[in-house]
Amino acid sequence: MKTGRSSVQRITCIQQGSLLTKNEALAYAYKYLPLKLKWVKEMNRERLKEYVLSCEQIYHPFWIAKTLVIAERPPFPPKKMPNVIFVDAVYGYRGLFGKVPPLEESDVRKDQLVPEKIHDQDDALRYVKHVQHRQMNRSYLLKKPIHQIQEMFVAYVPLWNIHVKVRNHDAIYMINANTGERERFCRQGQLLDA
């Protein structure tokens, strides 16, 4: 058992406004339960709390790369398009954001931070280049565009880690504390190669 207080760290969070409360996160966990468990007479949102083994808020790290794609199209001026690429700093899952995510500075306890496996920017850069060449360049048939990385940093996604055990169903639900959506890629697994 830990004694004393955990130290606090200032982080950049992918969030806008207030986060889900514990009760709201549990309501979303109930939503994601299999139907066969919801049909049990005594099971409801309030009763689910009895079957929750743990419910904690954690912060999952992602590398964020703000990039600029420059597509030359002579005789016209080059077309410049900003993009935001994300790389999961734990498992290596990567892709493009549809829009620039809202970012806020927050003070959180260090024990709430998920440890990174992709520590430095050079390692994360491999994954960013993979997204640029495999996903972004596909839409250009002839000449491939020029990619410029303008900024690269670590940001954290707030999640609720809820462990539920009901009868034979033993599951961990990772609920996004911004949207209430279930995060399937922020679970235990292996690091994906670039």
N, C-alpha and C. Protein backbone atom coordinates (compact mmCIF):
# COMPACT_ATOMS: atom_id res chain seq x y z
N MET A 1 0.84 -1.18 0.00
CA MET A 1 0.00 0.00 0.00
C MET A 1 0.88 1.24 0.00
N LYS A 2 0.54 2.22 -0.85
CA LYS A 2 1.35 3.42 -0.96
C LYS A 2 1.03 4.37 0.18
N THR A 3 2.07 5.02 0.64
CA THR A 3 1.86 6.04 1.65
C THR A 3 2.27 7.38 1.08
N GLY A 4 1.68 8.44 1.58
CA GLY A 4 2.02 9.77 1.09
C GLY A 4 1.29 10.09 -0.20
N ARG A 5 1.63 11.21 -0.76
CA ARG A 5 0.97 11.66 -1.97
C ARG A 5 1.85 11.39 -3.18
N SER A 6 1.20 11.09 -4.29
CA SER A 6 1.93 10.94 -5.54
C SER A 6 2.29 12.33 -6.04
N SER A 7 3.41 12.43 -6.71
CA SER A 7 3.79 13.73 -7.25
C SER A 7 2.91 14.08 -8.44
N VAL A 8 2.79 15.36 -8.68
CA VAL A 8 1.92 15.87 -9.73
C VAL A 8 2.77 16.31 -10.91
N GLN A 9 2.27 16.07 -12.12
CA GLN A 9 2.97 16.45 -13.33
C GLN A 9 2.03 17.24 -14.23
N ARG A 10 2.55 18.27 -14.88
CA ARG A 10 1.76 19.06 -15.83
C ARG A 10 1.89 18.42 -17.20
N ILE A 11 0.73 18.12 -17.82
CA ILE A 11 0.72 17.45 -19.12
C ILE A 11 -0.19 18.19 -20.09
N THR A 12 -0.01 17.89 -21.38
CA THR A 12 -0.93 18.37 -22.41
C THR A 12 -1.95 17.27 -22.63
N CYS A 13 -3.22 17.64 -22.49
CA CYS A 13 -4.32 16.68 -22.57
C CYS A 13 -5.15 16.93 -23.82
N ILE A 14 -5.58 15.85 -24.47
CA ILE A 14 -6.53 15.98 -25.57
C ILE A 14 -7.91 16.00 -24.94
N GLN A 15 -8.40 17.20 -24.70
CA GLN A 15 -9.71 17.35 -24.07
C GLN A 15 -10.24 18.76 -24.30
N GLN A 16 -11.53 18.88 -24.17
CA GLN A 16 -12.16 20.19 -24.24
C GLN A 16 -13.26 20.23 -23.19
N GLY A 17 -13.10 21.11 -22.23
CA GLY A 17 -14.11 21.21 -21.19
C GLY A 17 -13.95 20.13 -20.14
N SER A 18 -15.07 19.79 -19.49
CA SER A 18 -15.02 18.83 -18.39
C SER A 18 -15.04 17.39 -18.89
N LEU A 19 -14.48 16.50 -18.08
CA LEU A 19 -14.42 15.08 -18.41
C LEU A 19 -15.59 14.35 -17.77
N LEU A 20 -15.81 13.11 -18.22
CA LEU A 20 -16.86 12.28 -17.63
C LEU A 20 -16.56 12.00 -16.17
N THR A 21 -17.59 11.99 -15.35
CA THR A 21 -17.43 11.62 -13.95
C THR A 21 -17.38 10.09 -13.87
N LYS A 22 -17.07 9.58 -12.70
CA LYS A 22 -17.02 8.13 -12.50
C LYS A 22 -18.37 7.49 -12.78
N ASN A 23 -19.46 8.10 -12.30
CA ASN A 23 -20.81 7.54 -12.54
C ASN A 23 -21.18 7.55 -14.02
N GLU A 24 -20.80 8.62 -14.73
CA GLU A 24 -21.08 8.67 -16.17
C GLU A 24 -20.28 7.60 -16.91
N ALA A 25 -19.03 7.39 -16.50
CA ALA A 25 -18.19 6.35 -17.13
C ALA A 25 -18.78 4.97 -16.88
N LEU A 26 -19.31 4.73 -15.68
CA LEU A 26 -19.94 3.44 -15.38
C LEU A 26 -21.21 3.24 -16.22
N ALA A 27 -21.94 4.31 -16.50
CA ALA A 27 -23.12 4.20 -17.36
C ALA A 27 -22.71 3.79 -18.77
N TYR A 28 -21.58 4.31 -19.25
CA TYR A 28 -21.09 3.90 -20.57
C TYR A 28 -20.61 2.45 -20.54
N ALA A 29 -19.98 2.03 -19.45
CA ALA A 29 -19.54 0.63 -19.33
C ALA A 29 -20.75 -0.30 -19.39
N TYR A 30 -21.85 0.09 -18.76
CA TYR A 30 -23.09 -0.70 -18.82
C TYR A 30 -23.57 -0.80 -20.27
N LYS A 31 -23.46 0.29 -20.99
CA LYS A 31 -23.89 0.32 -22.40
C LYS A 31 -23.11 -0.71 -23.23
N TYR A 32 -21.83 -0.92 -22.90
CA TYR A 32 -20.99 -1.83 -23.68
C TYR A 32 -21.02 -3.28 -23.18
N LEU A 33 -21.79 -3.56 -22.13
CA LEU A 33 -21.93 -4.94 -21.67
C LEU A 33 -22.60 -5.78 -22.76
N PRO A 34 -22.29 -7.07 -22.85
CA PRO A 34 -22.99 -7.94 -23.81
C PRO A 34 -24.48 -8.00 -23.48
N LEU A 35 -25.31 -8.16 -24.51
CA LEU A 35 -26.77 -8.17 -24.33
C LEU A 35 -27.23 -9.25 -23.36
N LYS A 36 -26.60 -10.42 -23.39
CA LYS A 36 -27.04 -11.50 -22.51
C LYS A 36 -26.93 -11.12 -21.04
N LEU A 37 -25.99 -10.23 -20.70
CA LEU A 37 -25.88 -9.78 -19.31
C LEU A 37 -26.90 -8.69 -18.99
N LYS A 38 -27.24 -7.88 -19.96
CA LYS A 38 -28.24 -6.83 -19.73
C LYS A 38 -29.63 -7.42 -19.53
N TRP A 39 -29.88 -8.60 -20.09
CA TRP A 39 -31.20 -9.22 -20.00
C TRP A 39 -31.44 -9.91 -18.66
N VAL A 40 -30.39 -10.07 -17.88
CA VAL A 40 -30.56 -10.66 -16.55
C VAL A 40 -31.41 -9.68 -15.73
N LYS A 41 -32.45 -10.21 -15.07
CA LYS A 41 -33.43 -9.35 -14.38
C LYS A 41 -32.80 -8.35 -13.42
N GLU A 42 -31.89 -8.83 -12.61
CA GLU A 42 -31.36 -7.95 -11.56
C GLU A 42 -30.29 -6.98 -12.06
N MET A 43 -29.86 -7.09 -13.33
CA MET A 43 -28.78 -6.23 -13.82
C MET A 43 -29.33 -4.89 -14.30
N ASN A 44 -28.81 -3.82 -13.74
CA ASN A 44 -29.10 -2.47 -14.22
C ASN A 44 -27.87 -1.61 -13.93
N ARG A 45 -27.95 -0.33 -14.25
CA ARG A 45 -26.77 0.53 -14.09
C ARG A 45 -26.32 0.62 -12.64
N GLU A 46 -27.26 0.69 -11.73
CA GLU A 46 -26.91 0.78 -10.31
C GLU A 46 -26.31 -0.53 -9.81
N ARG A 47 -26.85 -1.63 -10.25
CA ARG A 47 -26.38 -2.95 -9.81
C ARG A 47 -24.99 -3.26 -10.37
N LEU A 48 -24.66 -2.67 -11.51
CA LEU A 48 -23.36 -2.90 -12.13
C LEU A 48 -22.22 -2.51 -11.17
N LYS A 49 -22.44 -1.50 -10.36
CA LYS A 49 -21.40 -1.03 -9.43
C LYS A 49 -20.92 -2.14 -8.50
N GLU A 50 -21.80 -3.09 -8.19
CA GLU A 50 -21.42 -4.21 -7.32
C GLU A 50 -20.42 -5.14 -8.01
N TYR A 51 -20.42 -5.16 -9.33
CA TYR A 51 -19.57 -6.07 -10.09
C TYR A 51 -18.29 -5.40 -10.60
N VAL A 52 -18.10 -4.14 -10.28
CA VAL A 52 -16.90 -3.43 -10.72
C VAL A 52 -15.76 -3.72 -9.75
N LEU A 53 -14.70 -4.32 -10.27
CA LEU A 53 -13.54 -4.63 -9.43
C LEU A 53 -12.65 -3.41 -9.25
N SER A 54 -12.52 -2.60 -10.31
CA SER A 54 -11.74 -1.36 -10.21
C SER A 54 -12.25 -0.36 -11.23
N CYS A 55 -12.11 0.90 -10.88
CA CYS A 55 -12.52 1.99 -11.76
C CYS A 55 -11.59 3.16 -11.49
N GLU A 56 -10.66 3.40 -12.42
CA GLU A 56 -9.69 4.46 -12.21
C GLU A 56 -9.50 5.28 -13.48
N GLN A 57 -9.20 6.55 -13.29
CA GLN A 57 -8.94 7.42 -14.43
C GLN A 57 -7.45 7.38 -14.73
N ILE A 58 -7.12 7.16 -16.00
CA ILE A 58 -5.73 7.10 -16.42
C ILE A 58 -5.54 8.04 -17.61
N TYR A 59 -4.29 8.29 -17.94
CA TYR A 59 -3.96 9.17 -19.07
C TYR A 59 -3.02 8.40 -20.00
N HIS A 60 -3.50 8.15 -21.22
CA HIS A 60 -2.78 7.33 -22.19
C HIS A 60 -1.99 8.25 -23.14
N PRO A 61 -0.67 8.01 -23.32
CA PRO A 61 0.16 8.91 -24.12
C PRO A 61 0.06 8.66 -25.63
N PHE A 62 0.06 9.74 -26.38
CA PHE A 62 0.10 9.72 -27.84
C PHE A 62 1.11 10.76 -28.31
N TRP A 63 1.87 10.40 -29.34
CA TRP A 63 2.69 11.40 -30.02
C TRP A 63 1.79 12.08 -31.03
N ILE A 64 1.83 13.41 -31.06
CA ILE A 64 1.04 14.20 -32.01
C ILE A 64 2.03 14.93 -32.92
N ALA A 65 1.84 14.79 -34.23
CA ALA A 65 2.69 15.48 -35.20
C ALA A 65 1.82 16.37 -36.08
N LYS A 66 2.08 17.67 -36.00
CA LYS A 66 1.39 18.62 -36.88
C LYS A 66 2.25 18.73 -38.13
N THR A 67 1.66 18.38 -39.27
CA THR A 67 2.43 18.34 -40.51
C THR A 67 1.79 19.23 -41.57
N LEU A 68 2.58 19.52 -42.58
CA LEU A 68 2.12 20.28 -43.73
C LEU A 68 2.45 19.46 -44.97
N VAL A 69 1.44 19.21 -45.80
CA VAL A 69 1.63 18.47 -47.05
C VAL A 69 1.64 19.49 -48.18
N ILE A 70 2.72 19.49 -48.96
CA ILE A 70 2.85 20.43 -50.07
C ILE A 70 2.81 19.62 -51.36
N ALA A 71 1.72 19.80 -52.11
CA ALA A 71 1.54 19.08 -53.38
C ALA A 71 1.80 20.05 -54.52
N GLU A 72 2.85 19.78 -55.27
CA GLU A 72 3.17 20.64 -56.42
C GLU A 72 2.22 20.30 -57.56
N ARG A 73 1.75 21.34 -58.25
CA ARG A 73 0.84 21.14 -59.38
C ARG A 73 1.08 22.23 -60.42
N PRO A 74 2.23 22.14 -61.11
CA PRO A 74 2.55 23.15 -62.11
C PRO A 74 1.47 23.20 -63.19
N PRO A 75 1.15 24.28 -63.74
CA PRO A 75 1.70 25.63 -63.58
C PRO A 75 1.07 26.41 -62.42
N PHE A 76 0.23 25.77 -61.64
CA PHE A 76 -0.42 26.45 -60.52
C PHE A 76 0.49 26.46 -59.31
N PRO A 77 0.20 27.33 -58.33
CA PRO A 77 1.01 27.31 -57.10
C PRO A 77 0.77 26.02 -56.32
N PRO A 78 1.75 25.60 -55.52
CA PRO A 78 1.57 24.36 -54.76
C PRO A 78 0.41 24.45 -53.77
N LYS A 79 -0.25 23.32 -53.58
CA LYS A 79 -1.36 23.25 -52.64
C LYS A 79 -0.79 22.82 -51.29
N LYS A 80 -1.09 23.59 -50.23
CA LYS A 80 -0.58 23.29 -48.89
C LYS A 80 -1.74 22.89 -48.00
N MET A 81 -1.63 21.68 -47.40
CA MET A 81 -2.70 21.16 -46.55
C MET A 81 -2.13 20.74 -45.20
N PRO A 82 -2.66 21.30 -44.11
CA PRO A 82 -2.20 20.86 -42.78
C PRO A 82 -2.86 19.53 -42.40
N ASN A 83 -2.13 18.71 -41.68
CA ASN A 83 -2.63 17.43 -41.18
C ASN A 83 -2.12 17.22 -39.76
N VAL A 84 -2.84 16.38 -39.02
CA VAL A 84 -2.39 16.00 -37.69
C VAL A 84 -2.33 14.48 -37.63
N ILE A 85 -1.14 13.96 -37.36
CA ILE A 85 -0.91 12.51 -37.28
C ILE A 85 -0.74 12.14 -35.81
N PHE A 86 -1.32 11.00 -35.41
CA PHE A 86 -1.14 10.54 -34.03
C PHE A 86 -0.46 9.18 -34.05
N VAL A 87 0.32 8.93 -33.01
CA VAL A 87 0.97 7.63 -32.80
C VAL A 87 0.77 7.27 -31.33
N ASP A 88 0.16 6.12 -31.08
CA ASP A 88 -0.01 5.64 -29.71
C ASP A 88 1.39 5.36 -29.16
N ALA A 89 1.77 6.04 -28.08
CA ALA A 89 3.12 5.94 -27.53
C ALA A 89 3.34 4.66 -26.73
N VAL A 90 2.30 3.82 -26.62
CA VAL A 90 2.44 2.55 -25.91
C VAL A 90 2.46 1.40 -26.90
N TYR A 91 1.50 1.35 -27.81
CA TYR A 91 1.35 0.20 -28.71
C TYR A 91 1.72 0.47 -30.17
N GLY A 92 1.95 1.73 -30.55
CA GLY A 92 2.36 2.01 -31.91
C GLY A 92 1.23 2.13 -32.91
N TYR A 93 -0.02 2.04 -32.46
CA TYR A 93 -1.15 2.25 -33.37
C TYR A 93 -1.08 3.69 -33.86
N ARG A 94 -1.34 3.91 -35.16
CA ARG A 94 -1.17 5.26 -35.71
C ARG A 94 -2.19 5.56 -36.78
N GLY A 95 -2.35 6.84 -37.06
CA GLY A 95 -3.30 7.26 -38.08
C GLY A 95 -3.39 8.77 -38.15
N LEU A 96 -4.44 9.23 -38.82
CA LEU A 96 -4.68 10.66 -39.02
C LEU A 96 -5.89 11.11 -38.21
N PHE A 97 -5.80 12.28 -37.62
CA PHE A 97 -6.98 12.89 -37.01
C PHE A 97 -7.78 13.55 -38.12
N GLY A 98 -9.10 13.48 -38.01
CA GLY A 98 -9.97 14.15 -38.98
C GLY A 98 -9.89 15.66 -38.86
N LYS A 99 -9.66 16.13 -37.65
CA LYS A 99 -9.50 17.57 -37.40
C LYS A 99 -8.51 17.75 -36.26
N VAL A 100 -8.06 18.96 -36.06
CA VAL A 100 -7.10 19.23 -34.99
C VAL A 100 -7.80 19.04 -33.64
N PRO A 101 -7.27 18.16 -32.79
CA PRO A 101 -7.93 17.92 -31.50
C PRO A 101 -7.74 19.10 -30.54
N PRO A 102 -8.73 19.33 -29.66
CA PRO A 102 -8.56 20.40 -28.67
C PRO A 102 -7.56 19.96 -27.60
N LEU A 103 -6.66 20.85 -27.24
CA LEU A 103 -5.61 20.54 -26.26
C LEU A 103 -5.72 21.48 -25.06
N GLU A 104 -5.52 20.93 -23.87
CA GLU A 104 -5.52 21.72 -22.63
C GLU A 104 -4.39 21.24 -21.75
N GLU A 105 -3.85 22.15 -20.96
CA GLU A 105 -2.84 21.80 -19.96
C GLU A 105 -3.56 21.34 -18.70
N SER A 106 -3.08 20.26 -18.09
CA SER A 106 -3.68 19.73 -16.86
C SER A 106 -2.60 19.26 -15.90
N ASP A 107 -2.91 19.32 -14.61
CA ASP A 107 -2.04 18.76 -13.58
C ASP A 107 -2.64 17.44 -13.14
N VAL A 108 -1.86 16.36 -13.27
CA VAL A 108 -2.35 15.03 -12.88
C VAL A 108 -1.29 14.33 -12.03
N ARG A 109 -1.74 13.33 -11.29
CA ARG A 109 -0.80 12.52 -10.50
C ARG A 109 0.02 11.63 -11.44
N LYS A 110 1.28 11.46 -11.13
CA LYS A 110 2.16 10.65 -11.98
C LYS A 110 1.71 9.21 -12.07
N ASP A 111 1.08 8.68 -11.01
CA ASP A 111 0.65 7.29 -11.04
C ASP A 111 -0.56 7.08 -11.97
N GLN A 112 -1.16 8.15 -12.47
CA GLN A 112 -2.26 8.03 -13.43
C GLN A 112 -1.76 7.96 -14.87
N LEU A 113 -0.48 8.24 -15.10
CA LEU A 113 0.07 8.24 -16.45
C LEU A 113 0.49 6.83 -16.85
N VAL A 114 0.06 6.41 -18.03
CA VAL A 114 0.47 5.11 -18.57
C VAL A 114 1.90 5.28 -19.09
N PRO A 115 2.84 4.41 -18.71
CA PRO A 115 4.22 4.56 -19.17
C PRO A 115 4.35 4.35 -20.69
N GLU A 116 5.17 5.18 -21.30
CA GLU A 116 5.39 5.11 -22.75
C GLU A 116 6.37 4.00 -23.09
N LYS A 117 6.16 3.38 -24.26
CA LYS A 117 7.14 2.44 -24.79
C LYS A 117 7.91 3.09 -25.94
N ILE A 118 7.29 4.07 -26.58
CA ILE A 118 7.96 4.84 -27.63
C ILE A 118 8.37 6.15 -26.96
N HIS A 119 9.62 6.20 -26.47
CA HIS A 119 10.06 7.30 -25.62
C HIS A 119 10.50 8.53 -26.39
N ASP A 120 11.36 8.35 -27.39
CA ASP A 120 11.88 9.56 -28.01
C ASP A 120 11.25 9.88 -29.35
N GLN A 121 11.47 11.12 -29.70
CA GLN A 121 10.88 11.67 -30.91
C GLN A 121 11.36 10.93 -32.16
N ASP A 122 12.60 10.48 -32.16
CA ASP A 122 13.13 9.77 -33.33
C ASP A 122 12.39 8.46 -33.57
N ASP A 123 12.07 7.74 -32.49
CA ASP A 123 11.29 6.51 -32.63
C ASP A 123 9.89 6.81 -33.15
N ALA A 124 9.26 7.84 -32.60
CA ALA A 124 7.91 8.22 -33.03
C ALA A 124 7.92 8.69 -34.48
N LEU A 125 9.01 9.31 -34.91
CA LEU A 125 9.13 9.82 -36.28
C LEU A 125 9.03 8.69 -37.30
N ARG A 126 9.55 7.51 -36.96
CA ARG A 126 9.42 6.34 -37.85
C ARG A 126 7.96 6.04 -38.14
N TYR A 127 7.12 6.08 -37.09
CA TYR A 127 5.70 5.79 -37.24
C TYR A 127 4.99 6.89 -38.01
N VAL A 128 5.39 8.14 -37.79
CA VAL A 128 4.79 9.27 -38.51
C VAL A 128 5.09 9.14 -40.00
N LYS A 129 6.33 8.80 -40.34
CA LYS A 129 6.69 8.64 -41.75
C LYS A 129 5.92 7.48 -42.38
N HIS A 130 5.66 6.45 -41.59
CA HIS A 130 4.87 5.32 -42.08
C HIS A 130 3.47 5.79 -42.49
N VAL A 131 2.85 6.62 -41.67
CA VAL A 131 1.52 7.16 -41.98
C VAL A 131 1.59 8.03 -43.23
N GLN A 132 2.64 8.86 -43.32
CA GLN A 132 2.77 9.74 -44.48
C GLN A 132 2.90 8.94 -45.78
N HIS A 133 3.70 7.90 -45.76
CA HIS A 133 3.96 7.16 -46.99
C HIS A 133 2.89 6.12 -47.31
N ARG A 134 2.32 5.48 -46.29
CA ARG A 134 1.34 4.42 -46.54
C ARG A 134 -0.09 4.92 -46.63
N GLN A 135 -0.44 5.96 -45.90
CA GLN A 135 -1.83 6.43 -45.90
C GLN A 135 -2.02 7.70 -46.72
N MET A 136 -1.14 8.67 -46.54
CA MET A 136 -1.34 9.96 -47.19
C MET A 136 -0.92 9.95 -48.65
N ASN A 137 0.18 9.29 -48.98
CA ASN A 137 0.67 9.29 -50.36
C ASN A 137 -0.22 8.49 -51.31
N ARG A 138 -1.09 7.63 -50.77
CA ARG A 138 -1.98 6.83 -51.61
C ARG A 138 -2.89 7.67 -52.49
N SER A 139 -3.27 8.83 -51.98
CA SER A 139 -4.22 9.66 -52.73
C SER A 139 -3.55 10.45 -53.86
N TYR A 140 -2.24 10.31 -54.02
CA TYR A 140 -1.52 11.00 -55.09
C TYR A 140 -1.02 9.95 -56.08
N LEU A 141 -1.57 9.98 -57.29
CA LEU A 141 -1.23 8.96 -58.27
C LEU A 141 0.13 9.19 -58.92
N LEU A 142 0.42 10.41 -59.30
CA LEU A 142 1.66 10.68 -60.02
C LEU A 142 2.77 11.11 -59.06
N LYS A 143 3.00 12.39 -58.97
CA LYS A 143 4.09 12.88 -58.13
C LYS A 143 3.64 12.93 -56.66
N LYS A 144 4.44 12.36 -55.81
CA LYS A 144 4.12 12.32 -54.38
C LYS A 144 4.41 13.69 -53.75
N PRO A 145 3.65 14.06 -52.73
CA PRO A 145 3.83 15.38 -52.12
C PRO A 145 5.06 15.44 -51.20
N ILE A 146 5.39 16.65 -50.82
CA ILE A 146 6.47 16.89 -49.86
C ILE A 146 5.82 16.99 -48.48
N HIS A 147 6.40 16.32 -47.50
CA HIS A 147 5.87 16.34 -46.14
C HIS A 147 6.81 17.15 -45.24
N GLN A 148 6.24 18.09 -44.51
CA GLN A 148 7.02 18.87 -43.53
C GLN A 148 6.39 18.69 -42.16
N ILE A 149 7.20 18.30 -41.20
CA ILE A 149 6.71 18.18 -39.83
C ILE A 149 6.98 19.51 -39.14
N GLN A 150 5.90 20.17 -38.71
CA GLN A 150 6.03 21.48 -38.09
C GLN A 150 6.24 21.40 -36.58
N GLU A 151 5.59 20.43 -35.95
CA GLU A 151 5.67 20.31 -34.49
C GLU A 151 5.37 18.87 -34.10
N MET A 152 6.06 18.39 -33.07
CA MET A 152 5.82 17.03 -32.59
C MET A 152 5.95 17.02 -31.07
N PHE A 153 4.94 16.46 -30.39
CA PHE A 153 4.92 16.47 -28.93
C PHE A 153 4.05 15.33 -28.42
N VAL A 154 4.14 15.07 -27.12
CA VAL A 154 3.33 14.03 -26.47
C VAL A 154 2.11 14.70 -25.85
N ALA A 155 0.94 14.12 -26.11
CA ALA A 155 -0.31 14.55 -25.48
C ALA A 155 -0.98 13.31 -24.91
N TYR A 156 -1.80 13.49 -23.92
CA TYR A 156 -2.44 12.37 -23.23
C TYR A 156 -3.95 12.39 -23.43
N VAL A 157 -4.51 11.19 -23.64
CA VAL A 157 -5.97 11.04 -23.74
C VAL A 157 -6.47 10.53 -22.39
N PRO A 158 -7.41 11.24 -21.76
CA PRO A 158 -7.96 10.77 -20.49
C PRO A 158 -8.92 9.61 -20.71
N LEU A 159 -8.72 8.52 -19.98
CA LEU A 159 -9.55 7.32 -20.11
C LEU A 159 -10.01 6.87 -18.73
N TRP A 160 -11.13 6.18 -18.71
CA TRP A 160 -11.57 5.47 -17.50
C TRP A 160 -11.27 4.00 -17.73
N ASN A 161 -10.50 3.39 -16.85
CA ASN A 161 -10.15 1.98 -16.91
C ASN A 161 -11.07 1.25 -15.94
N ILE A 162 -12.07 0.54 -16.47
CA ILE A 162 -13.10 -0.09 -15.64
C ILE A 162 -13.02 -1.60 -15.80
N HIS A 163 -12.76 -2.30 -14.69
CA HIS A 163 -12.68 -3.76 -14.70
C HIS A 163 -13.98 -4.31 -14.13
N VAL A 164 -14.72 -5.06 -14.96
CA VAL A 164 -16.03 -5.60 -14.58
C VAL A 164 -15.97 -7.12 -14.61
N LYS A 165 -16.53 -7.75 -13.57
CA LYS A 165 -16.63 -9.21 -13.56
C LYS A 165 -18.05 -9.58 -13.14
N VAL A 166 -18.82 -10.09 -14.13
CA VAL A 166 -20.20 -10.53 -13.90
C VAL A 166 -20.29 -11.97 -14.39
N ARG A 167 -20.59 -12.89 -13.50
CA ARG A 167 -20.68 -14.31 -13.85
C ARG A 167 -19.43 -14.74 -14.61
N ASN A 168 -19.57 -15.21 -15.85
CA ASN A 168 -18.41 -15.66 -16.64
C ASN A 168 -17.77 -14.54 -17.44
N HIS A 169 -18.34 -13.36 -17.36
CA HIS A 169 -17.85 -12.22 -18.14
C HIS A 169 -16.85 -11.42 -17.29
N ASP A 170 -15.59 -11.45 -17.70
CA ASP A 170 -14.53 -10.71 -17.03
C ASP A 170 -13.88 -9.83 -18.08
N ALA A 171 -14.10 -8.51 -18.00
CA ALA A 171 -13.60 -7.63 -19.06
C ALA A 171 -13.12 -6.30 -18.49
N ILE A 172 -12.20 -5.69 -19.23
CA ILE A 172 -11.73 -4.35 -18.91
C ILE A 172 -12.24 -3.42 -20.01
N TYR A 173 -12.94 -2.39 -19.60
CA TYR A 173 -13.47 -1.40 -20.54
C TYR A 173 -12.66 -0.13 -20.41
N MET A 174 -12.11 0.31 -21.53
CA MET A 174 -11.40 1.59 -21.58
C MET A 174 -12.37 2.58 -22.20
N ILE A 175 -12.85 3.51 -21.39
CA ILE A 175 -13.85 4.48 -21.83
C ILE A 175 -13.17 5.84 -21.97
N ASN A 176 -13.28 6.44 -23.16
CA ASN A 176 -12.73 7.77 -23.40
C ASN A 176 -13.46 8.76 -22.49
N ALA A 177 -12.72 9.48 -21.66
CA ALA A 177 -13.33 10.40 -20.68
C ALA A 177 -13.85 11.67 -21.33
N ASN A 178 -13.58 11.87 -22.62
CA ASN A 178 -14.13 13.02 -23.36
C ASN A 178 -15.46 12.67 -23.99
N THR A 179 -15.50 11.53 -24.68
CA THR A 179 -16.65 11.19 -25.53
C THR A 179 -17.52 10.07 -24.99
N GLY A 180 -16.98 9.22 -24.13
CA GLY A 180 -17.72 8.06 -23.65
C GLY A 180 -17.59 6.86 -24.57
N GLU A 181 -16.82 6.98 -25.64
CA GLU A 181 -16.64 5.86 -26.57
C GLU A 181 -15.66 4.85 -25.97
N ARG A 182 -15.85 3.60 -26.37
CA ARG A 182 -14.95 2.53 -25.92
C ARG A 182 -13.70 2.57 -26.79
N GLU A 183 -12.55 2.57 -26.15
CA GLU A 183 -11.27 2.59 -26.87
C GLU A 183 -10.74 1.17 -26.92
N ARG A 184 -10.73 0.60 -28.10
CA ARG A 184 -10.29 -0.79 -28.25
C ARG A 184 -8.79 -0.92 -28.46
N PHE A 185 -8.12 0.15 -28.88
CA PHE A 185 -6.70 0.06 -29.17
C PHE A 185 -5.82 0.42 -27.98
N CYS A 186 -6.41 0.91 -26.91
CA CYS A 186 -5.65 1.29 -25.71
C CYS A 186 -5.73 0.19 -24.66
N ARG A 187 -5.58 -1.04 -25.09
CA ARG A 187 -5.63 -2.17 -24.16
C ARG A 187 -4.30 -2.88 -24.19
N GLN A 188 -4.18 -3.88 -23.33
CA GLN A 188 -2.93 -4.63 -23.32
C GLN A 188 -2.73 -5.30 -24.67
N GLY A 189 -1.53 -5.25 -25.14
CA GLY A 189 -1.22 -5.84 -26.44
C GLY A 189 0.25 -5.66 -26.72
N GLN A 190 0.62 -5.94 -27.95
CA GLN A 190 2.02 -5.83 -28.33
C GLN A 190 2.24 -4.56 -29.12
N LEU A 191 3.47 -4.09 -29.09
CA LEU A 191 3.86 -2.92 -29.85
C LEU A 191 3.80 -3.25 -31.34
N LEU A 192 3.09 -2.42 -32.10
CA LEU A 192 2.98 -2.62 -33.54
C LEU A 192 4.21 -2.02 -34.22
N ASP A 193 4.79 -2.74 -35.15
CA ASP A 193 5.98 -2.26 -35.85
C ASP A 193 5.61 -1.28 -36.95
N ALA A 194 6.52 -0.36 -37.21
CA ALA A 194 6.31 0.61 -38.30
C ALA A 194 6.76 0.02 -39.61
